[in-house]
Amino acid sequence: MPEDDFLNHFAADVDPVRARVMHAVQQPLAWSSLEEVMGVPAWRSHPSWFLVAEGDQTIPPAAQRQFAARMNATTVEVSTNHVAMVSHPEDVVELIETAAGAVPVAT
């Protein structure tokens, strides 16, 4: 991804120094990942959680909401961009901890 697009759209709310490092170390998407056949999605039979990134310029937030609704996911909206795990890690951890706490431990 070109640096300007990466910094101003993909990682728009990440510290610029960190975003430049992320850009420098990015790896191309393996073409084989687009050729893989997926089985039945787990969200069809298991509870799901979804973080909607309200300021995402890579996947439109309206599409994210649609995905979450289709999954019947418990949804959290965060004022962030595409890489919420970098710019808002506390919100991501809180969502993961909430999800983990809501699922019974398998024995």
N, C-alpha and C. Protein backbone atom coordinates (compact mmCIF):
# COMPACT_ATOMS: atom_id res chain seq x y z
N MET A 1 0.85 -1.16 0.00
CA MET A 1 0.00 0.00 0.00
C MET A 1 0.91 1.24 0.00
N PRO A 2 0.61 2.20 -0.81
CA PRO A 2 1.43 3.43 -0.82
C PRO A 2 1.43 4.10 0.56
N GLU A 3 2.56 4.71 0.89
CA GLU A 3 2.71 5.31 2.22
C GLU A 3 1.62 6.33 2.53
N ASP A 4 1.28 7.19 1.59
CA ASP A 4 0.26 8.21 1.83
C ASP A 4 -1.08 7.56 2.19
N ASP A 5 -1.48 6.55 1.45
CA ASP A 5 -2.74 5.86 1.75
C ASP A 5 -2.67 5.16 3.10
N PHE A 6 -1.55 4.53 3.37
CA PHE A 6 -1.38 3.81 4.64
C PHE A 6 -1.51 4.77 5.82
N LEU A 7 -0.76 5.88 5.76
CA LEU A 7 -0.73 6.82 6.88
C LEU A 7 -2.03 7.60 7.03
N ASN A 8 -2.66 7.98 5.93
CA ASN A 8 -3.82 8.86 6.00
C ASN A 8 -5.17 8.17 5.95
N HIS A 9 -5.16 6.86 5.69
CA HIS A 9 -6.44 6.15 5.60
C HIS A 9 -6.42 4.86 6.42
N PHE A 10 -5.47 3.99 6.17
CA PHE A 10 -5.41 2.69 6.85
C PHE A 10 -5.10 2.86 8.34
N ALA A 11 -4.14 3.69 8.66
CA ALA A 11 -3.70 3.89 10.04
C ALA A 11 -3.82 5.36 10.43
N ALA A 12 -4.92 5.97 10.06
CA ALA A 12 -5.08 7.42 10.21
C ALA A 12 -5.01 7.92 11.65
N ASP A 13 -5.41 7.10 12.62
CA ASP A 13 -5.38 7.59 14.00
C ASP A 13 -4.27 6.95 14.84
N VAL A 14 -3.28 6.40 14.16
CA VAL A 14 -2.10 5.84 14.83
C VAL A 14 -1.03 6.92 14.87
N ASP A 15 -0.26 6.94 15.95
CA ASP A 15 0.86 7.87 16.05
C ASP A 15 1.67 7.80 14.74
N PRO A 16 1.95 8.94 14.11
CA PRO A 16 2.62 8.93 12.80
C PRO A 16 3.94 8.17 12.75
N VAL A 17 4.73 8.23 13.80
CA VAL A 17 6.00 7.50 13.83
C VAL A 17 5.72 5.99 13.79
N ARG A 18 4.79 5.57 14.62
CA ARG A 18 4.44 4.13 14.65
C ARG A 18 3.81 3.71 13.32
N ALA A 19 2.97 4.55 12.75
CA ALA A 19 2.34 4.24 11.47
C ALA A 19 3.38 4.08 10.37
N ARG A 20 4.42 4.91 10.40
CA ARG A 20 5.49 4.79 9.39
C ARG A 20 6.24 3.47 9.55
N VAL A 21 6.45 3.05 10.79
CA VAL A 21 7.09 1.75 11.02
C VAL A 21 6.17 0.64 10.51
N MET A 22 4.89 0.73 10.82
CA MET A 22 3.95 -0.28 10.33
C MET A 22 3.96 -0.34 8.80
N HIS A 23 4.01 0.81 8.17
CA HIS A 23 4.06 0.86 6.71
C HIS A 23 5.33 0.19 6.19
N ALA A 24 6.44 0.48 6.84
CA ALA A 24 7.74 -0.04 6.37
C ALA A 24 7.82 -1.57 6.46
N VAL A 25 7.13 -2.14 7.43
CA VAL A 25 7.23 -3.60 7.63
C VAL A 25 6.03 -4.37 7.08
N GLN A 26 5.10 -3.68 6.43
CA GLN A 26 3.93 -4.39 5.90
C GLN A 26 4.35 -5.45 4.89
N GLN A 27 3.58 -6.51 4.83
CA GLN A 27 3.85 -7.61 3.92
C GLN A 27 2.71 -7.70 2.91
N PRO A 28 3.00 -8.10 1.69
CA PRO A 28 1.92 -8.25 0.72
C PRO A 28 1.00 -9.40 1.12
N LEU A 29 -0.25 -9.28 0.75
CA LEU A 29 -1.22 -10.34 1.00
C LEU A 29 -0.87 -11.53 0.13
N ALA A 30 -0.83 -12.70 0.72
CA ALA A 30 -0.53 -13.92 -0.05
C ALA A 30 -1.72 -14.22 -0.96
N TRP A 31 -1.46 -14.35 -2.24
CA TRP A 31 -2.53 -14.62 -3.20
C TRP A 31 -3.29 -15.88 -2.83
N SER A 32 -2.59 -16.85 -2.26
CA SER A 32 -3.23 -18.12 -1.89
C SER A 32 -4.35 -17.93 -0.87
N SER A 33 -4.27 -16.86 -0.07
CA SER A 33 -5.33 -16.62 0.92
C SER A 33 -6.66 -16.31 0.26
N LEU A 34 -6.62 -15.82 -0.97
CA LEU A 34 -7.86 -15.52 -1.70
C LEU A 34 -8.41 -16.75 -2.40
N GLU A 35 -7.62 -17.80 -2.48
CA GLU A 35 -8.03 -19.02 -3.16
C GLU A 35 -8.54 -20.09 -2.21
N GLU A 36 -8.36 -19.89 -0.90
CA GLU A 36 -8.79 -20.88 0.08
C GLU A 36 -10.30 -21.00 0.12
N VAL A 37 -10.78 -22.22 0.26
CA VAL A 37 -12.21 -22.47 0.40
C VAL A 37 -12.53 -22.49 1.89
N MET A 38 -13.49 -21.68 2.27
CA MET A 38 -13.86 -21.59 3.67
C MET A 38 -15.00 -22.55 3.98
N GLY A 39 -14.97 -23.11 5.14
CA GLY A 39 -16.05 -23.98 5.60
C GLY A 39 -17.18 -23.16 6.19
N VAL A 40 -18.00 -23.80 6.98
CA VAL A 40 -19.12 -23.13 7.63
C VAL A 40 -18.57 -22.14 8.66
N PRO A 41 -18.96 -20.87 8.58
CA PRO A 41 -18.45 -19.89 9.54
C PRO A 41 -18.89 -20.22 10.97
N ALA A 42 -17.98 -20.05 11.91
CA ALA A 42 -18.27 -20.36 13.32
C ALA A 42 -19.40 -19.50 13.86
N TRP A 43 -19.57 -18.28 13.34
CA TRP A 43 -20.61 -17.40 13.88
C TRP A 43 -22.01 -17.96 13.63
N ARG A 44 -22.15 -18.91 12.75
CA ARG A 44 -23.47 -19.52 12.52
C ARG A 44 -23.94 -20.34 13.72
N SER A 45 -22.98 -20.86 14.49
CA SER A 45 -23.35 -21.74 15.61
C SER A 45 -22.80 -21.30 16.96
N HIS A 46 -22.02 -20.25 16.99
CA HIS A 46 -21.42 -19.78 18.25
C HIS A 46 -21.68 -18.29 18.43
N PRO A 47 -21.75 -17.86 19.69
CA PRO A 47 -21.90 -16.42 19.93
C PRO A 47 -20.72 -15.65 19.34
N SER A 48 -20.99 -14.43 18.90
CA SER A 48 -19.96 -13.62 18.26
C SER A 48 -19.97 -12.20 18.80
N TRP A 49 -18.81 -11.55 18.71
CA TRP A 49 -18.64 -10.16 19.09
C TRP A 49 -17.96 -9.45 17.94
N PHE A 50 -18.25 -8.16 17.80
CA PHE A 50 -17.74 -7.41 16.64
C PHE A 50 -17.44 -5.99 17.07
N LEU A 51 -16.27 -5.50 16.72
CA LEU A 51 -15.91 -4.11 16.96
C LEU A 51 -16.07 -3.35 15.65
N VAL A 52 -16.96 -2.38 15.65
CA VAL A 52 -17.14 -1.51 14.49
C VAL A 52 -16.23 -0.31 14.68
N ALA A 53 -15.36 -0.08 13.72
CA ALA A 53 -14.47 1.07 13.75
C ALA A 53 -15.19 2.22 13.03
N GLU A 54 -15.72 3.15 13.82
CA GLU A 54 -16.58 4.21 13.27
C GLU A 54 -15.91 5.09 12.23
N GLY A 55 -14.59 5.22 12.30
CA GLY A 55 -13.88 6.09 11.36
C GLY A 55 -13.10 5.32 10.31
N ASP A 56 -13.39 4.03 10.18
CA ASP A 56 -12.64 3.18 9.25
C ASP A 56 -12.77 3.68 7.82
N GLN A 57 -11.63 3.85 7.17
CA GLN A 57 -11.60 4.29 5.78
C GLN A 57 -11.20 3.15 4.85
N THR A 58 -11.08 1.94 5.40
CA THR A 58 -10.73 0.77 4.62
C THR A 58 -11.96 -0.11 4.40
N ILE A 59 -12.68 -0.42 5.47
CA ILE A 59 -13.95 -1.14 5.39
C ILE A 59 -15.01 -0.19 5.93
N PRO A 60 -15.95 0.24 5.11
CA PRO A 60 -16.93 1.22 5.56
C PRO A 60 -17.67 0.76 6.83
N PRO A 61 -17.82 1.66 7.81
CA PRO A 61 -18.52 1.29 9.03
C PRO A 61 -19.92 0.73 8.78
N ALA A 62 -20.62 1.23 7.77
CA ALA A 62 -21.96 0.70 7.46
C ALA A 62 -21.86 -0.78 7.08
N ALA A 63 -20.82 -1.14 6.34
CA ALA A 63 -20.62 -2.55 5.98
C ALA A 63 -20.29 -3.37 7.22
N GLN A 64 -19.48 -2.82 8.10
CA GLN A 64 -19.15 -3.52 9.34
C GLN A 64 -20.41 -3.78 10.16
N ARG A 65 -21.27 -2.78 10.24
CA ARG A 65 -22.54 -2.96 10.98
C ARG A 65 -23.39 -4.04 10.33
N GLN A 66 -23.38 -4.07 9.02
CA GLN A 66 -24.14 -5.10 8.30
C GLN A 66 -23.56 -6.49 8.59
N PHE A 67 -22.23 -6.62 8.59
CA PHE A 67 -21.60 -7.90 8.91
C PHE A 67 -21.99 -8.33 10.32
N ALA A 68 -21.90 -7.40 11.26
CA ALA A 68 -22.21 -7.70 12.66
C ALA A 68 -23.66 -8.13 12.82
N ALA A 69 -24.56 -7.44 12.15
CA ALA A 69 -25.98 -7.79 12.24
C ALA A 69 -26.23 -9.18 11.65
N ARG A 70 -25.59 -9.47 10.54
CA ARG A 70 -25.74 -10.79 9.92
C ARG A 70 -25.26 -11.89 10.86
N MET A 71 -24.22 -11.59 11.62
CA MET A 71 -23.67 -12.55 12.58
C MET A 71 -24.46 -12.60 13.88
N ASN A 72 -25.40 -11.66 14.03
CA ASN A 72 -26.11 -11.50 15.30
C ASN A 72 -25.09 -11.30 16.43
N ALA A 73 -24.07 -10.51 16.13
CA ALA A 73 -22.96 -10.30 17.06
C ALA A 73 -23.28 -9.22 18.08
N THR A 74 -22.74 -9.40 19.27
CA THR A 74 -22.72 -8.33 20.24
C THR A 74 -21.73 -7.31 19.70
N THR A 75 -22.18 -6.09 19.53
CA THR A 75 -21.38 -5.10 18.81
C THR A 75 -20.97 -3.94 19.70
N VAL A 76 -19.73 -3.53 19.55
CA VAL A 76 -19.20 -2.35 20.22
C VAL A 76 -18.72 -1.41 19.12
N GLU A 77 -19.04 -0.13 19.25
CA GLU A 77 -18.56 0.86 18.28
C GLU A 77 -17.51 1.72 18.95
N VAL A 78 -16.40 1.89 18.25
CA VAL A 78 -15.28 2.66 18.78
C VAL A 78 -14.91 3.73 17.75
N SER A 79 -14.67 4.92 18.23
CA SER A 79 -14.26 6.02 17.35
C SER A 79 -12.79 5.83 17.00
N THR A 80 -12.56 5.05 15.97
CA THR A 80 -11.20 4.70 15.57
C THR A 80 -11.18 4.40 14.09
N ASN A 81 -10.00 4.09 13.59
CA ASN A 81 -9.83 3.75 12.19
C ASN A 81 -9.62 2.25 12.06
N HIS A 82 -9.05 1.81 10.96
CA HIS A 82 -8.99 0.39 10.61
C HIS A 82 -8.18 -0.46 11.58
N VAL A 83 -7.13 0.07 12.15
CA VAL A 83 -6.26 -0.73 13.01
C VAL A 83 -6.52 -0.41 14.48
N ALA A 84 -7.72 -0.69 14.92
CA ALA A 84 -8.13 -0.40 16.30
C ALA A 84 -7.24 -1.08 17.32
N MET A 85 -6.73 -2.26 16.97
CA MET A 85 -5.88 -2.98 17.91
C MET A 85 -4.58 -2.24 18.21
N VAL A 86 -4.21 -1.30 17.33
CA VAL A 86 -3.01 -0.50 17.54
C VAL A 86 -3.37 0.84 18.17
N SER A 87 -4.39 1.50 17.65
CA SER A 87 -4.72 2.85 18.12
C SER A 87 -5.60 2.86 19.38
N HIS A 88 -6.38 1.80 19.60
CA HIS A 88 -7.26 1.73 20.77
C HIS A 88 -7.20 0.33 21.40
N PRO A 89 -6.01 -0.09 21.81
CA PRO A 89 -5.88 -1.46 22.33
C PRO A 89 -6.74 -1.73 23.56
N GLU A 90 -6.98 -0.71 24.39
CA GLU A 90 -7.79 -0.92 25.59
C GLU A 90 -9.21 -1.33 25.22
N ASP A 91 -9.77 -0.69 24.19
CA ASP A 91 -11.12 -1.03 23.76
C ASP A 91 -11.19 -2.44 23.19
N VAL A 92 -10.15 -2.84 22.48
CA VAL A 92 -10.10 -4.19 21.90
C VAL A 92 -9.98 -5.22 23.01
N VAL A 93 -9.12 -4.97 23.98
CA VAL A 93 -8.96 -5.89 25.11
C VAL A 93 -10.27 -6.00 25.88
N GLU A 94 -10.94 -4.88 26.11
CA GLU A 94 -12.21 -4.91 26.83
C GLU A 94 -13.24 -5.78 26.10
N LEU A 95 -13.30 -5.65 24.77
CA LEU A 95 -14.23 -6.47 23.99
C LEU A 95 -13.87 -7.95 24.10
N ILE A 96 -12.59 -8.27 24.00
CA ILE A 96 -12.15 -9.67 24.10
C ILE A 96 -12.45 -10.23 25.48
N GLU A 97 -12.17 -9.44 26.52
CA GLU A 97 -12.44 -9.92 27.88
C GLU A 97 -13.94 -10.11 28.11
N THR A 98 -14.75 -9.22 27.56
CA THR A 98 -16.20 -9.36 27.68
C THR A 98 -16.66 -10.63 26.99
N ALA A 99 -16.16 -10.86 25.78
CA ALA A 99 -16.53 -12.06 25.03
C ALA A 99 -16.08 -13.32 25.78
N ALA A 100 -14.85 -13.32 26.26
CA ALA A 100 -14.32 -14.49 26.98
C ALA A 100 -15.12 -14.76 28.23
N GLY A 101 -15.54 -13.72 28.92
CA GLY A 101 -16.32 -13.89 30.14
C GLY A 101 -17.75 -14.35 29.88
N ALA A 102 -18.23 -14.17 28.69
CA ALA A 102 -19.62 -14.54 28.38
C ALA A 102 -19.76 -15.97 27.88
N VAL A 103 -18.64 -16.59 27.53
CA VAL A 103 -18.69 -17.96 26.99
C VAL A 103 -18.30 -18.93 28.10
N PRO A 104 -19.13 -19.95 28.31
CA PRO A 104 -18.79 -20.94 29.35
C PRO A 104 -17.48 -21.66 29.04
N VAL A 105 -16.74 -21.97 30.07
CA VAL A 105 -15.48 -22.68 29.91
C VAL A 105 -15.81 -24.15 29.58
N ALA A 106 -15.19 -24.64 28.52
CA ALA A 106 -15.39 -26.05 28.14
C ALA A 106 -14.64 -26.95 29.09
N THR A 107 -15.27 -28.03 29.48
CA THR A 107 -14.60 -29.00 30.37
C THR A 107 -14.55 -30.36 29.75
